[in-house]
Amino acid sequence: MPDRDFASLERLALEHDVLLTPGSAFDYQGAASAWLRIDVAYGQDSRAQAFLQHAGRPLPS
């Protein structure tokens, strides 16, 4: 998500009982990545939906 660092997204996800994995975990060299992986199998889970709704809100200025 633009303008969000992984650590802040991870904290928000944990508040919703959701685990995130940084994209670097899927790079064979572990290179830094602006991407993250979301397990779509849980997309209908209310916890995942609540997290995505909160994460998609604009940051306070």
N, C-alpha and C. Protein backbone atom coordinates (compact mmCIF):
# COMPACT_ATOMS: atom_id res chain seq x y z
N MET A 1 0.85 -1.16 0.00
CA MET A 1 0.00 0.00 0.00
C MET A 1 0.90 1.23 0.00
N PRO A 2 0.61 2.14 -0.88
CA PRO A 2 1.47 3.32 -1.00
C PRO A 2 1.62 4.07 0.31
N ASP A 3 2.80 4.59 0.51
CA ASP A 3 3.11 5.42 1.68
C ASP A 3 2.99 4.70 3.01
N ARG A 4 3.02 3.38 3.01
CA ARG A 4 2.96 2.61 4.26
C ARG A 4 4.22 1.76 4.35
N ASP A 5 4.83 1.75 5.50
CA ASP A 5 5.97 0.87 5.69
C ASP A 5 5.47 -0.46 6.24
N PHE A 6 6.24 -1.51 5.99
CA PHE A 6 5.79 -2.85 6.38
C PHE A 6 5.57 -2.96 7.88
N ALA A 7 6.42 -2.35 8.68
CA ALA A 7 6.29 -2.47 10.13
C ALA A 7 4.95 -1.92 10.62
N SER A 8 4.52 -0.78 10.08
CA SER A 8 3.24 -0.22 10.52
C SER A 8 2.08 -1.07 10.03
N LEU A 9 2.18 -1.61 8.82
CA LEU A 9 1.13 -2.51 8.33
C LEU A 9 1.08 -3.79 9.14
N GLU A 10 2.25 -4.29 9.51
CA GLU A 10 2.30 -5.52 10.30
C GLU A 10 1.65 -5.31 11.67
N ARG A 11 1.92 -4.18 12.31
CA ARG A 11 1.29 -3.89 13.61
C ARG A 11 -0.23 -3.82 13.47
N LEU A 12 -0.69 -3.14 12.43
CA LEU A 12 -2.13 -3.03 12.20
C LEU A 12 -2.73 -4.41 11.93
N ALA A 13 -2.04 -5.21 11.14
CA ALA A 13 -2.52 -6.56 10.84
C ALA A 13 -2.63 -7.40 12.11
N LEU A 14 -1.62 -7.33 12.95
CA LEU A 14 -1.64 -8.11 14.19
C LEU A 14 -2.79 -7.69 15.10
N GLU A 15 -3.15 -6.40 15.07
CA GLU A 15 -4.30 -5.93 15.85
C GLU A 15 -5.60 -6.59 15.38
N HIS A 16 -5.59 -7.05 14.11
CA HIS A 16 -6.77 -7.71 13.53
C HIS A 16 -6.58 -9.23 13.45
N ASP A 17 -5.56 -9.76 14.13
CA ASP A 17 -5.26 -11.20 14.10
C ASP A 17 -4.95 -11.70 12.70
N VAL A 18 -4.23 -10.89 11.93
CA VAL A 18 -3.83 -11.23 10.56
C VAL A 18 -2.31 -11.22 10.51
N LEU A 19 -1.74 -12.22 9.85
CA LEU A 19 -0.28 -12.28 9.67
C LEU A 19 0.07 -11.87 8.25
N LEU A 20 1.08 -11.01 8.12
CA LEU A 20 1.58 -10.59 6.82
C LEU A 20 2.99 -11.13 6.63
N THR A 21 3.37 -11.29 5.38
CA THR A 21 4.72 -11.71 5.05
C THR A 21 5.31 -10.70 4.08
N PRO A 22 6.47 -10.14 4.39
CA PRO A 22 7.07 -9.17 3.46
C PRO A 22 7.49 -9.86 2.17
N GLY A 23 7.43 -9.12 1.08
CA GLY A 23 7.82 -9.67 -0.21
C GLY A 23 9.25 -10.18 -0.23
N SER A 24 10.12 -9.62 0.60
CA SER A 24 11.52 -10.06 0.63
C SER A 24 11.64 -11.52 1.05
N ALA A 25 10.66 -12.05 1.77
CA ALA A 25 10.69 -13.46 2.19
C ALA A 25 10.56 -14.39 0.99
N PHE A 26 10.06 -13.88 -0.13
CA PHE A 26 9.86 -14.70 -1.32
C PHE A 26 10.92 -14.46 -2.38
N ASP A 27 11.88 -13.57 -2.10
CA ASP A 27 12.99 -13.32 -3.02
C ASP A 27 14.11 -14.29 -2.69
N TYR A 28 14.64 -14.96 -3.70
CA TYR A 28 15.65 -15.99 -3.44
C TYR A 28 16.90 -15.42 -2.78
N GLN A 29 17.14 -14.11 -2.90
CA GLN A 29 18.28 -13.49 -2.23
C GLN A 29 17.84 -12.68 -1.00
N GLY A 30 16.55 -12.65 -0.73
CA GLY A 30 16.04 -11.89 0.41
C GLY A 30 16.12 -10.39 0.23
N ALA A 31 16.14 -9.95 -1.04
CA ALA A 31 16.26 -8.52 -1.32
C ALA A 31 15.04 -7.76 -0.82
N ALA A 32 15.26 -6.53 -0.40
CA ALA A 32 14.17 -5.67 0.07
C ALA A 32 13.15 -5.50 -1.04
N SER A 33 11.89 -5.38 -0.65
CA SER A 33 10.82 -5.27 -1.63
C SER A 33 9.72 -4.38 -1.06
N ALA A 34 9.09 -3.62 -1.93
CA ALA A 34 7.95 -2.79 -1.52
C ALA A 34 6.66 -3.59 -1.53
N TRP A 35 6.73 -4.85 -1.92
CA TRP A 35 5.56 -5.71 -2.03
C TRP A 35 5.37 -6.56 -0.79
N LEU A 36 4.14 -7.04 -0.60
CA LEU A 36 3.89 -8.04 0.43
C LEU A 36 2.92 -9.05 -0.15
N ARG A 37 2.86 -10.21 0.48
CA ARG A 37 1.98 -11.28 0.01
C ARG A 37 0.76 -11.36 0.91
N ILE A 38 -0.38 -11.53 0.29
CA ILE A 38 -1.63 -11.71 1.02
C ILE A 38 -2.22 -13.04 0.56
N ASP A 39 -2.53 -13.91 1.50
CA ASP A 39 -3.12 -15.21 1.18
C ASP A 39 -4.59 -15.00 0.85
N VAL A 40 -4.92 -15.10 -0.44
CA VAL A 40 -6.29 -14.82 -0.88
C VAL A 40 -7.28 -15.88 -0.41
N ALA A 41 -6.80 -17.01 0.06
CA ALA A 41 -7.70 -18.05 0.57
C ALA A 41 -8.48 -17.54 1.78
N TYR A 42 -7.95 -16.54 2.45
CA TYR A 42 -8.61 -16.00 3.64
C TYR A 42 -9.27 -14.65 3.37
N GLY A 43 -9.45 -14.30 2.11
CA GLY A 43 -10.02 -13.01 1.75
C GLY A 43 -11.43 -12.77 2.26
N GLN A 44 -12.18 -13.83 2.49
CA GLN A 44 -13.54 -13.70 3.00
C GLN A 44 -13.60 -13.67 4.53
N ASP A 45 -12.46 -13.90 5.17
CA ASP A 45 -12.41 -13.90 6.63
C ASP A 45 -12.66 -12.48 7.15
N SER A 46 -13.53 -12.34 8.14
CA SER A 46 -13.88 -11.01 8.64
C SER A 46 -12.68 -10.26 9.20
N ARG A 47 -11.70 -10.99 9.76
CA ARG A 47 -10.50 -10.33 10.30
C ARG A 47 -9.69 -9.72 9.17
N ALA A 48 -9.54 -10.46 8.07
CA ALA A 48 -8.79 -9.95 6.92
C ALA A 48 -9.51 -8.76 6.31
N GLN A 49 -10.82 -8.85 6.19
CA GLN A 49 -11.58 -7.74 5.62
C GLN A 49 -11.48 -6.49 6.48
N ALA A 50 -11.55 -6.66 7.80
CA ALA A 50 -11.43 -5.50 8.70
C ALA A 50 -10.05 -4.88 8.58
N PHE A 51 -9.00 -5.71 8.52
CA PHE A 51 -7.65 -5.20 8.37
C PHE A 51 -7.51 -4.41 7.07
N LEU A 52 -7.98 -4.98 5.96
CA LEU A 52 -7.84 -4.31 4.66
C LEU A 52 -8.62 -2.99 4.63
N GLN A 53 -9.77 -2.95 5.27
CA GLN A 53 -10.52 -1.69 5.34
C GLN A 53 -9.73 -0.63 6.10
N HIS A 54 -9.15 -1.00 7.23
CA HIS A 54 -8.36 -0.05 8.02
C HIS A 54 -7.07 0.34 7.29
N ALA A 55 -6.41 -0.62 6.69
CA ALA A 55 -5.14 -0.35 6.03
C ALA A 55 -5.32 0.54 4.80
N GLY A 56 -6.49 0.49 4.18
CA GLY A 56 -6.75 1.28 2.99
C GLY A 56 -7.14 2.72 3.26
N ARG A 57 -7.34 3.05 4.52
CA ARG A 57 -7.71 4.43 4.87
C ARG A 57 -6.51 5.35 4.73
N PRO A 58 -6.76 6.61 4.38
CA PRO A 58 -5.64 7.56 4.29
C PRO A 58 -4.96 7.73 5.65
N LEU A 59 -3.67 7.99 5.59
CA LEU A 59 -2.92 8.26 6.82
C LEU A 59 -3.31 9.62 7.37
N PRO A 60 -3.37 9.75 8.69
CA PRO A 60 -3.66 11.08 9.25
C PRO A 60 -2.53 12.05 8.93
N SER A 61 -2.89 13.29 8.66
CA SER A 61 -1.84 14.26 8.31
C SER A 61 -1.44 15.11 9.47
